C-alpha atoms as a PDB file:
ATOM      1  CA  MET A   1     -23.153   0.757   9.269  1.00  0.00           C
ATOM      2  CA  TYR A   2     -21.519  -0.633   6.100  1.00  0.00           C
ATOM      3  CA  TYR A   3     -22.741   2.235   3.909  1.00  0.00           C
ATOM      4  CA  PHE A   4     -21.783   4.749   6.608  1.00  0.00           C
ATOM      5  CA  PHE A   5     -18.205   3.412   6.466  1.00  0.00           C
ATOM      6  CA  ARG A   6     -18.102   3.972   2.721  1.00  0.00           C
ATOM      7  CA  ILE A   7     -19.367   7.536   3.078  1.00  0.00           C
ATOM      8  CA  SER A   8     -16.741   8.188   5.779  1.00  0.00           C
ATOM      9  CA  LEU A   9     -14.011   6.712   3.597  1.00  0.00           C
ATOM     10  CA  PHE A  10     -15.117   8.874   0.655  1.00  0.00           C
ATOM     11  CA  TYR A  11     -14.753  12.077   2.659  1.00  0.00           C
ATOM     12  CA  PHE A  12     -11.333  10.915   3.846  1.00  0.00           C
ATOM     13  CA  CYS A  13      -9.805  11.381   0.360  1.00  0.00           C
ATOM     14  CA  LEU A  14      -8.503  14.560  -1.273  1.00  0.00           C
ATOM     15  CA  ILE A  15     -10.235  16.595  -3.967  1.00  0.00           C
ATOM     16  CA  LEU A  16      -9.130  15.939  -7.578  1.00  0.00           C
ATOM     17  CA  PRO A  17      -9.420  18.601 -10.256  1.00  0.00           C
ATOM     18  CA  PHE A  18     -11.486  16.384 -12.530  1.00  0.00           C
ATOM     19  CA  THR A  19     -12.772  13.511 -10.445  1.00  0.00           C
ATOM     20  CA  GLY A  20     -13.687  15.231  -7.218  1.00  0.00           C
ATOM     21  CA  CYS A  21     -11.347  13.007  -5.193  1.00  0.00           C
ATOM     22  CA  GLU A  22      -7.599  12.300  -5.194  1.00  0.00           C
ATOM     23  CA  PRO A  23      -6.038   9.035  -4.144  1.00  0.00           C
ATOM     24  CA  LYS A  24      -6.433   8.634  -0.405  1.00  0.00           C
ATOM     25  CA  SER A  25      -4.669   8.293   1.516  1.00  0.00           C
ATOM     26  CA  GLU A  26       7.419  -8.733   7.387  1.00  0.00           C
ATOM     27  CA  ASN A  27       8.566  -9.709   8.676  1.00  0.00           C
ATOM     28  CA  THR A  28       9.098 -13.411   8.211  1.00  0.00           C
ATOM     29  CA  LYS A  29       7.506 -15.224  11.119  1.00  0.00           C
ATOM     30  CA  ASP A  30       9.519 -14.942  14.315  1.00  0.00           C
ATOM     31  CA  GLN A  31      11.533 -18.097  14.841  1.00  0.00           C
ATOM     32  CA  ILE A  32      11.742 -19.018  18.501  1.00  0.00           C
ATOM     33  CA  VAL A  33      14.331 -21.703  17.790  1.00  0.00           C
ATOM     34  CA  ASN A  34      17.123 -21.210  15.248  1.00  0.00           C
ATOM     35  CA  LYS A  35      18.972 -23.808  13.208  1.00  0.00           C
ATOM     36  CA  THR A  36      21.265 -24.679  16.103  1.00  0.00           C
ATOM     37  CA  GLN A  37      18.250 -25.035  18.400  1.00  0.00           C
ATOM     38  CA  LYS A  38      19.301 -22.152  20.617  1.00  0.00           C
ATOM     39  CA  THR A  39      16.344 -20.430  22.194  1.00  0.00           C
ATOM     40  CA  ILE A  40      15.982 -16.695  21.595  1.00  0.00           C
ATOM     41  CA  PRO A  41      15.975 -14.846  24.956  1.00  0.00           C
ATOM     42  CA  GLU A  42      12.502 -14.175  26.310  1.00  0.00           C
ATOM     43  CA  LYS A  43      13.113 -10.429  26.568  1.00  0.00           C
ATOM     44  CA  ARG A  44      14.051 -10.257  22.899  1.00  0.00           C
ATOM     45  CA  VAL A  45      10.949 -12.205  21.849  1.00  0.00           C
ATOM     46  CA  LYS A  46       8.710  -9.933  23.907  1.00  0.00           C
ATOM     47  CA  LYS A  47      10.345  -6.852  22.413  1.00  0.00           C
ATOM     48  CA  GLU A  48       9.738  -8.099  18.853  1.00  0.00           C
ATOM     49  CA  ILE A  49       6.106  -8.966  19.615  1.00  0.00           C
ATOM     50  CA  ASP A  50       5.424  -5.597  21.260  1.00  0.00           C
ATOM     51  CA  PHE A  51       7.189  -3.505  18.613  1.00  0.00           C
ATOM     52  CA  LYS A  52       5.042  -0.992  16.754  1.00  0.00           C
ATOM     53  CA  LEU A  53       5.978   1.564  14.156  1.00  0.00           C
ATOM     54  CA  SER A  54       5.410   5.237  14.933  1.00  0.00           C
ATOM     55  CA  ASP A  55       6.351   8.614  13.519  1.00  0.00           C
ATOM     56  CA  LYS A  56       9.247   8.672  15.979  1.00  0.00           C
ATOM     57  CA  ASN A  57      10.912   5.439  14.886  1.00  0.00           C
ATOM     58  CA  VAL A  58       9.790   4.981  11.261  1.00  0.00           C
ATOM     59  CA  MET A  59      12.771   6.622   9.516  1.00  0.00           C
ATOM     60  CA  GLU A  60      15.397   4.820  11.560  1.00  0.00           C
ATOM     61  CA  PHE A  61      13.542   1.513  11.257  1.00  0.00           C
ATOM     62  CA  PHE A  62      13.145   1.530   7.468  1.00  0.00           C
ATOM     63  CA  LEU A  63      16.668   2.840   6.821  1.00  0.00           C
ATOM     64  CA  GLU A  64      17.950  -0.214   8.681  1.00  0.00           C
ATOM     65  CA  TYR A  65      15.306  -2.511   7.171  1.00  0.00           C
ATOM     66  CA  ASP A  66      16.358  -1.423   3.688  1.00  0.00           C
ATOM     67  CA  LYS A  67      19.881  -2.755   4.291  1.00  0.00           C
ATOM     68  CA  HIS A  68      18.753  -6.302   5.046  1.00  0.00           C
ATOM     69  CA  ASN A  69      15.556  -6.765   3.012  1.00  0.00           C
ATOM     70  CA  LYS A  70      16.354  -6.262  -0.656  1.00  0.00           C
ATOM     71  CA  GLU A  71      13.300  -7.880  -2.253  1.00  0.00           C
ATOM     72  CA  ASN A  72      11.642  -5.687  -4.869  1.00  0.00           C
ATOM     73  CA  LYS A  73       9.132  -7.782  -6.830  1.00  0.00           C
ATOM     74  CA  VAL A  74       5.714  -8.888  -5.608  1.00  0.00           C
ATOM     75  CA  ARG A  75       2.645 -10.597  -7.023  1.00  0.00           C
ATOM     76  CA  ILE A  76      -0.892  -9.510  -6.118  1.00  0.00           C
ATOM     77  CA  TYR A  77      -3.573 -12.211  -6.391  1.00  0.00           C
ATOM     78  CA  THR A  78      -7.157 -11.180  -7.163  1.00  0.00           C
ATOM     79  CA  ASP A  79     -10.306 -12.838  -8.540  1.00  0.00           C
ATOM     80  CA  PHE A  80      -9.697 -10.914 -11.764  1.00  0.00           C
ATOM     81  CA  GLY A  81      -6.175 -12.237 -12.232  1.00  0.00           C
ATOM     82  CA  ASN A  82      -2.697 -11.465 -10.933  1.00  0.00           C
ATOM     83  CA  ILE A  83      -0.669  -8.259 -10.984  1.00  0.00           C
ATOM     84  CA  GLU A  84       3.119  -8.327 -10.725  1.00  0.00           C
ATOM     85  CA  ILE A  85       4.899  -5.233  -9.489  1.00  0.00           C
ATOM     86  CA  GLU A  86       8.508  -4.110  -9.430  1.00  0.00           C
ATOM     87  CA  LEU A  87       9.347  -1.764  -6.556  1.00  0.00           C
ATOM     88  CA  PHE A  88      12.002   0.873  -7.192  1.00  0.00           C
ATOM     89  CA  ARG A  89      15.098   0.478  -5.013  1.00  0.00           C
ATOM     90  CA  ASN A  90      15.811   4.203  -4.798  1.00  0.00           C
ATOM     91  CA  THR A  91      12.439   4.855  -3.136  1.00  0.00           C
ATOM     92  CA  LYS A  92      13.757   3.073  -0.080  1.00  0.00           C
ATOM     93  CA  PHE A  93      11.124   4.109   2.464  1.00  0.00           C
ATOM     94  CA  HIS A  94       8.217   3.119   0.244  1.00  0.00           C
ATOM     95  CA  ARG A  95       9.822  -0.061  -1.097  1.00  0.00           C
ATOM     96  CA  SER A  96      10.820  -1.210   2.380  1.00  0.00           C
ATOM     97  CA  ASN A  97       7.388  -0.367   3.776  1.00  0.00           C
ATOM     98  CA  PHE A  98       5.611  -2.378   1.066  1.00  0.00           C
ATOM     99  CA  ILE A  99       7.909  -5.376   1.600  1.00  0.00           C
ATOM    100  CA  TYR A 100       7.476  -5.099   5.374  1.00  0.00           C
ATOM    101  CA  LEU A 101       3.674  -5.068   5.106  1.00  0.00           C
ATOM    102  CA  THR A 102       3.772  -7.944   2.626  1.00  0.00           C
ATOM    103  CA  LYS A 103       5.797 -10.053   5.045  1.00  0.00           C
ATOM    104  CA  LYS A 104       3.314  -9.120   7.768  1.00  0.00           C
ATOM    105  CA  ASN A 105       0.483 -10.395   5.492  1.00  0.00           C
ATOM    106  CA  TYR A 106      -1.197  -7.027   5.883  1.00  0.00           C
ATOM    107  CA  PHE A 107      -2.609  -6.833   2.354  1.00  0.00           C
ATOM    108  CA  ASP A 108      -4.336 -10.222   2.481  1.00  0.00           C
ATOM    109  CA  ASP A 109      -8.128  -9.702   2.377  1.00  0.00           C
ATOM    110  CA  THR A 110      -7.874  -5.968   1.749  1.00  0.00           C
ATOM    111  CA  GLN A 111      -9.803  -4.583  -1.215  1.00  0.00           C
ATOM    112  CA  PHE A 112      -9.605  -2.426  -4.289  1.00  0.00           C
ATOM    113  CA  TYR A 113     -11.997  -0.072  -2.591  1.00  0.00           C
ATOM    114  CA  ARG A 114     -11.860   2.891  -4.955  1.00  0.00           C
ATOM    115  CA  VAL A 115     -12.038   2.379  -8.717  1.00  0.00           C
ATOM    116  CA  ILE A 116     -12.222   5.104 -11.361  1.00  0.00           C
ATOM    117  CA  ASN A 117     -12.016   3.900 -14.948  1.00  0.00           C
ATOM    118  CA  ASN A 118      -9.472   5.795 -17.065  1.00  0.00           C
ATOM    119  CA  PHE A 119      -7.797   7.078 -13.901  1.00  0.00           C
ATOM    120  CA  VAL A 120      -6.682   4.833 -11.013  1.00  0.00           C
ATOM    121  CA  ILE A 121      -7.547   1.764  -8.986  1.00  0.00           C
ATOM    122  CA  GLN A 122      -6.800   2.075  -5.282  1.00  0.00           C
ATOM    123  CA  ALA A 123      -6.258  -0.681  -2.729  1.00  0.00           C
ATOM    124  CA  GLY A 124      -5.098  -1.507   0.782  1.00  0.00           C
ATOM    125  CA  ASN A 125      -8.229  -0.817   2.820  1.00  0.00           C
ATOM    126  CA  SER A 126     -11.473  -2.604   3.652  1.00  0.00           C
ATOM    127  CA  ASP A 127     -14.686  -2.306   5.644  1.00  0.00           C
ATOM    128  CA  ASN A 128     -13.594  -5.422   7.556  1.00  0.00           C
ATOM    129  CA  ARG A 129     -12.649  -4.718  11.170  1.00  0.00           C
ATOM    130  CA  LYS A 130      -9.873  -7.302  10.910  1.00  0.00           C
ATOM    131  CA  ILE A 131      -7.938  -4.881   8.706  1.00  0.00           C
ATOM    132  CA  SER A 132      -8.248  -2.144  11.320  1.00  0.00           C
ATOM    133  CA  ARG A 133      -6.876  -4.536  13.919  1.00  0.00           C
ATOM    134  CA  LYS A 134      -3.934  -5.361  11.642  1.00  0.00           C
ATOM    135  CA  ARG A 135      -3.123  -1.672  11.322  1.00  0.00           C
ATOM    136  CA  LYS A 136      -3.273  -1.210  15.058  1.00  0.00           C
ATOM    137  CA  GLU A 137      -0.893  -4.118  15.610  1.00  0.00           C
ATOM    138  CA  ILE A 138       1.620  -2.777  13.064  1.00  0.00           C
ATOM    139  CA  GLY A 139       1.517   0.795  14.329  1.00  0.00           C
ATOM    140  CA  ARG A 140       0.413   4.294  13.459  1.00  0.00           C
ATOM    141  CA  TYR A 141       2.853   6.217  11.284  1.00  0.00           C
ATOM    142  CA  LEU A 142       3.396   8.199   8.099  1.00  0.00           C
ATOM    143  CA  LEU A 143       6.143   7.587   5.550  1.00  0.00           C
ATOM    144  CA  PRO A 144       8.719  10.234   4.620  1.00  0.00           C
ATOM    145  CA  ASN A 145       8.235  11.101   0.961  1.00  0.00           C
ATOM    146  CA  ASP A 146      10.472   9.648  -1.747  1.00  0.00           C
ATOM    147  CA  LEU A 147       9.738  12.369  -4.277  1.00  0.00           C
ATOM    148  CA  ASN A 148      12.116  13.687  -6.935  1.00  0.00           C
ATOM    149  CA  LYS A 149      13.437  10.279  -7.975  1.00  0.00           C
ATOM    150  CA  GLY A 150      12.638  10.888 -11.618  1.00  0.00           C
ATOM    151  CA  TYR A 151       9.373   8.925 -11.805  1.00  0.00           C
ATOM    152  CA  THR A 152       6.045  10.265 -13.027  1.00  0.00           C
ATOM    153  CA  HIS A 153       2.480   8.997 -12.874  1.00  0.00           C
ATOM    154  CA  LYS A 154       2.496   7.151 -16.200  1.00  0.00           C
ATOM    155  CA  ARG A 155       0.156   4.269 -16.932  1.00  0.00           C
ATOM    156  CA  GLY A 156       1.039   1.261 -14.793  1.00  0.00           C
ATOM    157  CA  MET A 157       2.906   3.205 -12.130  1.00  0.00           C
ATOM    158  CA  ILE A 158       2.333   2.449  -8.424  1.00  0.00           C
ATOM    159  CA  SER A 159       1.994   5.409  -6.095  1.00  0.00           C
ATOM    160  CA  MET A 160       1.038   6.094  -2.507  1.00  0.00           C
ATOM    161  CA  PRO A 161      -1.483   8.661  -1.257  1.00  0.00           C
ATOM    162  CA  SER A 162      -0.627  11.414   1.193  1.00  0.00           C
ATOM    163  CA  SER A 163      -2.162  11.750   4.618  1.00  0.00           C
ATOM    164  CA  LEU A 164      -4.956  14.262   5.163  1.00  0.00           C
ATOM    165  CA  VAL A 165      -3.515  15.501   8.446  1.00  0.00           C
ATOM    166  CA  ASP A 166      -1.546  18.762   8.509  1.00  0.00           C
ATOM    167  CA  ASN A 167       1.055  17.523   6.086  1.00  0.00           C
ATOM    168  CA  PRO A 168       3.389  20.157   4.591  1.00  0.00           C
ATOM    169  CA  TYR A 169       6.039  17.507   3.849  1.00  0.00           C
ATOM    170  CA  LYS A 170       3.610  15.340   1.845  1.00  0.00           C
ATOM    171  CA  MET A 171       4.164  12.295   4.025  1.00  0.00           C
ATOM    172  CA  ALA A 172       2.350   9.199   2.829  1.00  0.00           C
ATOM    173  CA  SER A 173      -0.347   6.978   4.288  1.00  0.00           C
ATOM    174  CA  PRO A 174       1.598   3.696   4.420  1.00  0.00           C
ATOM    175  CA  PHE A 175      -1.172   1.088   4.155  1.00  0.00           C
ATOM    176  CA  GLU A 176      -2.708   2.117   0.837  1.00  0.00           C
ATOM    177  CA  PHE A 177      -1.538   2.384  -2.753  1.00  0.00           C
ATOM    178  CA  PHE A 178      -2.934   3.111  -6.184  1.00  0.00           C
ATOM    179  CA  ILE A 179      -2.143   2.006  -9.730  1.00  0.00           C
ATOM    180  CA  VAL A 180      -2.435   4.482 -12.597  1.00  0.00           C
ATOM    181  CA  GLN A 181      -4.730   2.912 -15.201  1.00  0.00           C
ATOM    182  CA  SER A 182      -5.262   5.821 -17.582  1.00  0.00           C
ATOM    183  CA  THR A 183      -3.462   5.465 -20.917  1.00  0.00           C
ATOM    184  CA  LYS A 184      -2.569   9.162 -20.678  1.00  0.00           C
ATOM    185  CA  GLY A 185      -1.258   8.813 -17.146  1.00  0.00           C
ATOM    186  CA  ALA A 186      -2.193  11.059 -14.235  1.00  0.00           C
ATOM    187  CA  HIS A 187       0.548  13.656 -14.395  1.00  0.00           C
ATOM    188  CA  HIS A 188      -1.340  16.282 -12.410  1.00  0.00           C
ATOM    189  CA  LEU A 189      -0.382  14.098  -9.416  1.00  0.00           C
ATOM    190  CA  ASP A 190       3.366  14.420 -10.083  1.00  0.00           C
ATOM    191  CA  GLY A 191       5.245  16.063  -7.243  1.00  0.00           C
ATOM    192  CA  ASN A 192       2.497  15.416  -4.705  1.00  0.00           C
ATOM    193  CA  TYR A 193       2.583  11.621  -4.437  1.00  0.00           C
ATOM    194  CA  THR A 194       5.508   9.205  -4.423  1.00  0.00           C
ATOM    195  CA  VAL A 195       5.743   6.849  -7.401  1.00  0.00           C
ATOM    196  CA  PHE A 196       7.541   3.809  -5.999  1.00  0.00           C
ATOM    197  CA  GLY A 197       6.950   0.975  -8.458  1.00  0.00           C
ATOM    198  CA  LYS A 198       5.447  -0.175 -11.732  1.00  0.00           C
ATOM    199  CA  VAL A 199       3.334  -3.037 -13.044  1.00  0.00           C
ATOM    200  CA  ILE A 200       5.539  -5.431 -15.006  1.00  0.00           C
ATOM    201  CA  ARG A 201       2.815  -7.974 -15.739  1.00  0.00           C
ATOM    202  CA  GLY A 202      -0.953  -7.926 -15.388  1.00  0.00           C
ATOM    203  CA  MET A 203      -2.126  -4.574 -16.771  1.00  0.00           C
ATOM    204  CA  ASP A 204      -4.983  -6.537 -18.342  1.00  0.00           C
ATOM    205  CA  THR A 205      -6.058  -7.361 -14.782  1.00  0.00           C
ATOM    206  CA  VAL A 206      -5.786  -3.687 -13.835  1.00  0.00           C
ATOM    207  CA  ASP A 207      -8.022  -2.799 -16.794  1.00  0.00           C
ATOM    208  CA  LYS A 208     -10.584  -5.452 -15.808  1.00  0.00           C
ATOM    209  CA  ILE A 209     -10.762  -4.071 -12.293  1.00  0.00           C
ATOM    210  CA  ALA A 210     -11.000  -0.494 -13.565  1.00  0.00           C
ATOM    211  CA  SER A 211     -13.960  -1.359 -15.790  1.00  0.00           C
ATOM    212  CA  THR A 212     -16.110  -2.840 -13.013  1.00  0.00           C
ATOM    213  CA  PRO A 213     -19.313  -0.947 -12.090  1.00  0.00           C
ATOM    214  CA  THR A 214     -19.111   1.247  -8.985  1.00  0.00           C
ATOM    215  CA  ASP A 215     -21.458   3.199  -6.759  1.00  0.00           C
ATOM    216  CA  ASN A 216     -21.425   7.004  -6.606  1.00  0.00           C
ATOM    217  CA  LEU A 217     -18.525   6.832  -4.117  1.00  0.00           C
ATOM    218  CA  ASP A 218     -16.353   4.867  -6.581  1.00  0.00           C
ATOM    219  CA  TRP A 219     -16.638   1.692  -4.510  1.00  0.00           C
ATOM    220  CA  PRO A 220     -17.043  -1.402  -6.750  1.00  0.00           C
ATOM    221  CA  LEU A 221     -20.524  -2.903  -6.589  1.00  0.00           C
ATOM    222  CA  GLN A 222     -18.814  -6.288  -6.546  1.00  0.00           C
ATOM    223  CA  ASN A 223     -16.177  -6.443  -3.812  1.00  0.00           C
ATOM    224  CA  ILE A 224     -12.710  -6.920  -5.296  1.00  0.00           C
ATOM    225  CA  TYR A 225     -10.439  -8.559  -2.752  1.00  0.00           C
ATOM    226  CA  ILE A 226      -6.699  -8.970  -2.713  1.00  0.00           C
ATOM    227  CA  LYS A 227      -6.402 -12.638  -1.845  1.00  0.00           C
ATOM    228  CA  LYS A 228      -2.762 -12.292  -0.972  1.00  0.00           C
ATOM    229  CA  VAL A 229       0.447 -10.503  -1.875  1.00  0.00           C
ATOM    230  CA  GLU A 230       3.633 -12.526  -2.060  1.00  0.00           C
ATOM    231  CA  ILE A 231       7.268 -11.706  -2.714  1.00  0.00           C
ATOM    232  CA  ILE A 232       8.574 -13.276  -5.928  1.00  0.00           C
ATOM    233  CA  GLU A 233      12.060 -11.773  -6.003  1.00  0.00           C
END
């Protein structure tokens, strides 16, 4: 069953010209009592608990979320060391989505599940059913692209894979991301994937992860977990 999942995940990615596969594709905890000890109405609490993102509400939600959640630096904890990332403010859908998922603790216990040395390391998924349940609770949606912001796939850049569904607008799969590790960059990806951040500390950790042995599906032989992602600024 475990190996079957990996095979399925492999065929879920796009074809790369030279690798055979392209990158695949909050909230703070609800406070029932505020500082003045006034109880939030039950209907409002239920609405917040039941809320799920979808293709119908995603644009409106993140445009509003962007106004009130301005954080743009996060730290990723792994067994190989930490990676600090700055998210670009003008890629508002992608920045807001990453902050939202971080506050939801989505990335905790996900994995770097696809590793190609001298290319990219890709994270945000797992063969653990708990991650699938997290996705279901958050919702099913694609992100509008934030292309043409002047960023390219240079070494250390953070980008997000596109969905494999009929996708003429290159909308992104919101739960996964990849870091360009190649010293030459991955510029054949420019214009197809949204670059929305960069590593500001911890490229040595990225290189360590990239150099780990993998199977023939690019899955590390030693599982590489994201212990947690936290907002630092």
